[in-house]
């Protein structure tokens, strides 16, 4: 399968649908929609194809055949795999949508993860005939990669390698994401506690520029401070403010990649009153200042 970009014939100034054949067994679709009216995309996905649906922005409605529908919300992603049946998919793309879809043959995934097949449930011999579904919040590192797919301009020759590398990066991030270990942390066996921890993370992200104190965050979600701190570390693998700082820095890189903001503007957007504090944090995270990061693009 040769690399090519196939644009939807109905593309216009408000919407763009591009089908990118990255390599044999790997296809990516990029969708942007700035119009006010939704539009529909219909595809039949063959059996034995791994499907990823990422939404950077916007809300879209997915219909699978005539019996099942669900919404893909901004900041979320779906994972589907059916080894036996082809899957008719209709996507009603909402206003403001910015999506990336990936389709990989099971054979190609086996080749990529041959050494780690036992670690991936849907690749194990015990699950060879099982269907899989997963829904997740898109991690900050993944958000950066997805934004780069839309914001980086390269020559056609360089673009081939760029897209291939980014697809591999998305897969690596997705399959290495830490899952909640309810066995090692009895506190997390309570689904209500896990729900409150996730609420805390969502509230923290919405108030990123003016984050609440641990005390206020705990009160907001109905947990005591100790349970919030312990549970957050178990679910997300980081402290509350460590996670927030990582997210801020990844968001800063996304803003810088867009070429729409100056360094000081990014600092103020993230809630820094002194840009030098932002520059210090960025350098500690990425090993170079924001200015040098921009010059290396």
Protein backbone atom coordinates (compact mmCIF):
# COMPACT_ATOMS: atom_id res chain seq x y z
CA UNK A 1 0.00 0.00 0.00
CA UNK A 2 1.65 3.21 -1.13
CA UNK A 3 1.64 6.37 0.95
CA UNK A 4 -0.90 8.87 -0.34
CA UNK A 5 -3.24 11.57 0.86
CA UNK A 6 -6.79 11.27 -0.42
CA UNK A 7 -8.90 14.38 0.15
CA UNK A 8 -12.66 14.13 0.37
CA UNK A 9 -14.15 15.64 -2.83
CA UNK A 10 -16.57 17.64 -0.69
CA UNK A 11 -13.78 19.41 1.25
CA UNK A 12 -14.20 23.16 1.44
CA UNK A 13 -13.08 26.19 3.46
CA UNK A 14 -15.06 24.99 6.49
CA UNK A 15 -14.16 21.31 6.56
CA UNK A 16 -11.36 18.95 5.60
CA UNK A 17 -11.22 15.15 5.52
CA UNK A 18 -7.92 13.55 4.54
CA UNK A 19 -7.23 9.83 4.30
CA UNK A 20 -3.53 9.08 4.69
CA UNK A 21 -2.17 5.64 3.81
CA UNK A 22 0.91 5.70 5.99
CA UNK A 23 2.24 2.23 5.19
CA UNK A 24 0.84 -1.24 4.44
CA UNK A 25 -1.79 -2.01 7.05
CA UNK A 26 -1.82 1.50 8.55
CA UNK A 27 -4.29 4.23 7.58
CA UNK A 28 -4.88 7.59 9.26
CA UNK A 29 -7.77 10.01 8.78
CA UNK A 30 -7.51 13.69 9.74
CA UNK A 31 -10.71 15.69 10.12
CA UNK A 32 -11.25 19.39 10.79
CA UNK A 33 -14.63 21.11 10.74
CA UNK A 34 -15.05 24.83 11.37
CA UNK A 35 -18.58 25.11 10.01
CA UNK A 36 -21.77 25.40 12.04
CA UNK A 37 -23.59 22.43 10.51
CA UNK A 38 -22.61 18.82 11.19
CA UNK A 39 -21.72 16.49 8.32
CA UNK A 40 -21.50 12.72 8.06
CA UNK A 41 -18.77 10.23 7.18
CA UNK A 42 -19.63 6.60 6.54
CA UNK A 43 -17.16 3.71 6.36
CA UNK A 44 -17.28 -0.06 6.68
CA UNK A 45 -14.31 -1.21 8.76
CA UNK A 46 -13.25 -4.78 7.89
CA UNK A 47 -12.95 -7.42 10.62
CA UNK A 48 -9.54 -7.77 12.25
CA UNK A 49 -8.81 -4.03 12.13
CA UNK A 50 -7.69 -2.09 15.21
CA UNK A 51 -9.56 1.23 15.38
CA UNK A 52 -8.55 4.38 17.28
CA UNK A 53 -10.68 7.53 17.36
CA UNK A 54 -9.15 10.65 18.96
CA UNK A 55 -10.98 13.97 19.47
CA UNK A 56 -8.79 16.99 20.14
CA UNK A 57 -11.79 19.30 19.88
CA UNK A 58 -15.49 19.05 19.18
CA UNK A 59 -18.14 16.41 19.74
CA UNK A 60 -19.13 13.79 17.18
CA UNK A 61 -21.83 11.12 17.21
CA UNK A 62 -20.85 7.56 16.29
CA UNK A 63 -23.39 5.03 14.99
CA UNK A 64 -22.38 1.38 14.66
CA UNK A 65 -24.96 -0.33 12.53
CA UNK A 66 -28.52 0.28 13.69
CA UNK A 67 -28.23 -0.76 17.31
CA UNK A 68 -25.49 1.22 19.02
CA UNK A 69 -24.58 4.90 19.28
CA UNK A 70 -22.22 6.91 21.45
CA UNK A 71 -20.59 10.35 21.54
CA UNK A 72 -16.90 11.05 21.11
CA UNK A 73 -16.27 14.09 23.28
CA UNK A 74 -13.43 16.59 23.17
CA UNK A 75 -10.33 15.25 24.91
CA UNK A 76 -11.47 11.60 24.68
CA UNK A 77 -10.59 8.63 22.52
CA UNK A 78 -12.17 5.28 21.60
CA UNK A 79 -10.48 1.96 20.87
CA UNK A 80 -12.33 -0.82 19.02
CA UNK A 81 -11.37 -4.27 17.81
CA UNK A 82 -13.61 -7.00 16.40
CA UNK A 83 -11.79 -10.07 15.05
CA UNK A 84 -14.84 -11.60 13.40
CA UNK A 85 -17.24 -9.02 11.98
CA UNK A 86 -16.89 -6.00 9.75
CA UNK A 87 -18.19 -2.86 11.41
CA UNK A 88 -20.32 -0.25 9.60
CA UNK A 89 -19.51 3.13 11.13
CA UNK A 90 -21.30 6.43 10.60
CA UNK A 91 -19.77 9.54 12.19
CA UNK A 92 -21.80 12.73 12.46
CA UNK A 93 -18.99 15.27 12.77
CA UNK A 94 -19.97 18.22 14.94
CA UNK A 95 -19.03 21.88 14.67
CA UNK A 96 -15.48 22.71 15.75
CA UNK A 97 -14.32 19.13 15.44
CA UNK A 98 -10.64 18.25 15.14
CA UNK A 99 -10.23 14.48 15.01
CA UNK A 100 -7.62 11.86 14.19
CA UNK A 101 -8.66 8.29 13.35
CA UNK A 102 -6.23 5.37 13.02
CA UNK A 103 -6.90 1.99 11.42
CA UNK A 104 -4.34 -0.83 11.68
CA UNK A 105 -4.56 -4.39 10.48
CA UNK A 106 -4.10 -6.95 13.24
CA UNK A 107 -1.20 -8.41 11.25
CA UNK A 108 0.64 -5.07 11.32
CA UNK A 109 0.04 -4.68 15.05
CA UNK A 110 1.44 -8.17 15.62
CA UNK A 111 4.56 -7.20 13.68
CA UNK A 112 5.02 -4.00 15.67
CA UNK A 113 4.49 -5.59 19.08
CA UNK A 114 5.79 -9.10 18.46
CA UNK A 115 8.02 -8.96 21.56
CA UNK A 116 5.23 -7.59 23.76
CA UNK A 117 2.23 -9.50 22.43
CA UNK A 118 1.64 -11.15 25.80
CA UNK A 119 1.29 -7.71 27.40
CA UNK A 120 -1.51 -6.62 25.05
CA UNK A 121 -4.77 -8.42 25.94
CA UNK A 122 -6.26 -8.44 22.45
CA UNK A 123 -3.10 -10.05 21.02
CA UNK A 124 -2.99 -12.99 23.41
CA UNK A 125 -3.98 -16.45 22.19
CA UNK A 126 -6.67 -16.67 24.89
CA UNK A 127 -8.43 -13.59 23.52
CA UNK A 128 -7.96 -14.18 19.82
CA UNK A 129 -11.72 -14.29 19.15
CA UNK A 130 -12.79 -11.61 21.63
CA UNK A 131 -14.02 -8.12 20.83
CA UNK A 132 -12.43 -5.19 22.69
CA UNK A 133 -13.60 -1.67 23.50
CA UNK A 134 -11.87 1.03 25.51
CA UNK A 135 -12.62 4.69 26.18
CA UNK A 136 -10.03 7.02 27.70
CA UNK A 137 -9.19 10.64 28.38
CA UNK A 138 -6.40 11.65 26.01
CA UNK A 139 -3.15 12.02 27.95
CA UNK A 140 -1.23 15.33 27.72
CA UNK A 141 1.69 13.71 25.84
CA UNK A 142 -0.73 12.28 23.29
CA UNK A 143 -2.43 15.67 22.88
CA UNK A 144 0.93 17.16 21.89
CA UNK A 145 1.48 14.52 19.18
CA UNK A 146 -2.05 14.93 17.82
CA UNK A 147 -1.66 18.71 17.60
CA UNK A 148 1.60 18.29 15.73
CA UNK A 149 -0.25 16.34 13.05
CA UNK A 150 -2.29 19.46 12.34
CA UNK A 151 0.24 22.23 12.95
CA UNK A 152 3.50 21.02 11.36
CA UNK A 153 4.12 21.94 7.73
CA UNK A 154 6.73 19.90 5.83
CA UNK A 155 7.73 19.06 2.29
CA UNK A 156 5.89 16.08 0.74
CA UNK A 157 9.02 13.93 1.07
CA UNK A 158 9.54 14.78 4.75
CA UNK A 159 5.82 14.46 5.45
CA UNK A 160 5.86 10.74 4.69
CA UNK A 161 8.41 10.05 7.41
CA UNK A 162 6.81 12.53 9.79
CA UNK A 163 3.38 10.90 9.70
CA UNK A 164 4.84 7.44 10.04
CA UNK A 165 6.85 8.49 13.11
CA UNK A 166 3.84 10.19 14.72
CA UNK A 167 1.63 7.13 14.22
CA UNK A 168 4.24 4.99 15.97
CA UNK A 169 4.49 7.59 18.74
CA UNK A 170 0.71 7.55 19.25
CA UNK A 171 0.70 3.77 19.49
CA UNK A 172 3.61 3.75 21.94
CA UNK A 173 1.91 6.29 24.20
CA UNK A 174 -1.44 4.52 24.05
CA UNK A 175 -0.18 1.05 24.87
CA UNK A 176 2.22 2.23 27.56
CA UNK A 177 -0.45 4.21 29.42
CA UNK A 178 -0.66 3.15 33.06
CA UNK A 179 -3.87 1.42 34.04
CA UNK A 180 -5.43 1.64 37.49
CA UNK A 181 -4.13 -1.19 39.67
CA UNK A 182 -7.09 -1.94 41.96
CA UNK A 183 -5.35 -4.98 43.45
CA UNK A 184 -2.43 -3.09 44.94
CA UNK A 185 -4.57 -0.22 46.18
CA UNK A 186 -7.69 -1.36 48.08
CA UNK A 187 -8.90 2.23 48.27
CA UNK A 188 -9.42 2.18 44.48
CA UNK A 189 -11.62 -0.90 44.59
CA UNK A 190 -14.41 1.54 45.42
CA UNK A 191 -15.71 2.81 42.07
CA UNK A 192 -17.11 5.93 43.74
CA UNK A 193 -13.63 6.90 44.96
CA UNK A 194 -12.19 6.41 41.48
CA UNK A 195 -14.98 8.56 40.04
CA UNK A 196 -14.16 11.34 42.52
CA UNK A 197 -10.45 11.15 41.65
CA UNK A 198 -11.31 11.56 37.98
CA UNK A 199 -13.58 14.48 38.86
CA UNK A 200 -10.65 16.06 40.70
CA UNK A 201 -8.45 15.75 37.65
CA UNK A 202 -11.12 17.28 35.38
CA UNK A 203 -11.64 20.18 37.80
CA UNK A 204 -7.88 20.71 38.00
CA UNK A 205 -7.59 20.86 34.19
CA UNK A 206 -10.48 23.34 33.89
CA UNK A 207 -8.79 25.61 36.44
CA UNK A 208 -5.24 25.10 35.21
CA UNK A 209 -4.30 28.79 35.22
CA UNK A 210 -5.63 29.31 38.76
CA UNK A 211 -5.46 25.86 40.39
CA UNK A 212 -7.20 25.21 43.70
CA UNK A 213 -5.38 24.17 46.85
CA UNK A 214 -5.40 20.50 47.83
CA UNK A 215 -7.86 21.38 50.57
CA UNK A 216 -10.25 23.13 48.19
CA UNK A 217 -9.91 20.40 45.55
CA UNK A 218 -10.67 17.70 48.12
CA UNK A 219 -13.73 19.62 49.28
CA UNK A 220 -14.87 20.11 45.66
CA UNK A 221 -15.02 16.36 44.96
CA UNK A 222 -16.01 15.15 48.42
CA UNK A 223 -12.80 13.41 49.55
CA UNK A 224 -10.49 14.08 52.44
CA UNK A 225 -7.03 15.39 51.54
CA UNK A 226 -5.22 12.13 52.29
CA UNK A 227 -7.52 10.05 50.08
CA UNK A 228 -7.28 12.60 47.30
CA UNK A 229 -3.46 12.58 47.33
CA UNK A 230 -3.09 8.80 47.61
CA UNK A 231 -5.83 8.04 45.10
CA UNK A 232 -4.58 10.59 42.57
CA UNK A 233 -1.08 9.12 42.68
CA UNK A 234 -2.46 5.60 42.16
CA UNK A 235 -4.73 6.52 39.24
CA UNK A 236 -2.46 8.93 37.39
CA UNK A 237 1.00 7.88 38.55
CA UNK A 238 1.89 11.37 39.78
CA UNK A 239 1.10 13.83 42.55
CA UNK A 240 -1.72 16.33 42.01
CA UNK A 241 0.59 19.26 41.31
CA UNK A 242 3.17 17.11 39.53
CA UNK A 243 0.46 16.03 37.10
CA UNK A 244 -0.72 19.63 36.74
CA UNK A 245 2.80 20.87 35.97
CA UNK A 246 3.32 18.17 33.34
CA UNK A 247 0.00 19.08 31.74
CA UNK A 248 0.87 22.78 31.77
CA UNK A 249 4.20 22.17 30.09
CA UNK A 250 2.70 19.90 27.43
CA UNK A 251 -0.02 22.51 26.81
CA UNK A 252 2.66 25.19 26.59
CA UNK A 253 4.45 23.17 23.91
CA UNK A 254 1.19 22.82 21.98
CA UNK A 255 0.65 26.60 22.10
CA UNK A 256 4.23 27.25 20.97
CA UNK A 257 3.87 24.72 18.14
CA UNK A 258 0.85 26.64 16.84
CA UNK A 259 3.10 29.71 16.17
CA UNK A 260 0.23 31.93 17.33
CA UNK A 261 1.66 32.93 20.71
CA UNK A 262 4.75 34.63 22.05
CA UNK A 263 6.55 33.13 25.03
CA UNK A 264 5.18 35.74 27.44
CA UNK A 265 1.63 35.15 26.17
CA UNK A 266 1.95 31.42 26.79
CA UNK A 267 3.22 32.10 30.31
CA UNK A 268 0.26 34.35 31.14
CA UNK A 269 -2.21 31.90 29.58
CA UNK A 270 -0.93 29.18 31.90
CA UNK A 271 -1.32 31.42 34.96
CA UNK A 272 2.30 32.51 35.47
CA UNK A 273 2.52 36.12 36.65
CA UNK A 274 6.27 36.11 36.02
CA UNK A 275 7.31 34.69 32.60
CA UNK A 276 10.76 33.84 33.95
CA UNK A 277 9.17 31.25 36.25
CA UNK A 278 7.50 29.67 33.21
CA UNK A 279 10.78 29.68 31.28
CA UNK A 280 12.52 27.93 34.21
CA UNK A 281 9.80 25.27 34.45
CA UNK A 282 9.81 24.69 30.68
CA UNK A 283 13.59 24.28 30.59
CA UNK A 284 13.49 21.85 33.51
CA UNK A 285 10.86 19.76 31.70
CA UNK A 286 12.27 19.78 28.15
CA UNK A 287 15.94 20.70 28.57
CA UNK A 288 15.79 23.98 26.67
CA UNK A 289 14.08 27.35 26.97
CA UNK A 290 10.87 28.14 25.06
CA UNK A 291 12.80 30.48 22.78
CA UNK A 292 15.35 27.80 21.89
CA UNK A 293 12.54 25.27 21.47
CA UNK A 294 10.94 27.53 18.86
CA UNK A 295 14.24 28.01 17.06
CA UNK A 296 14.70 24.21 16.81
CA UNK A 297 11.35 23.57 15.11
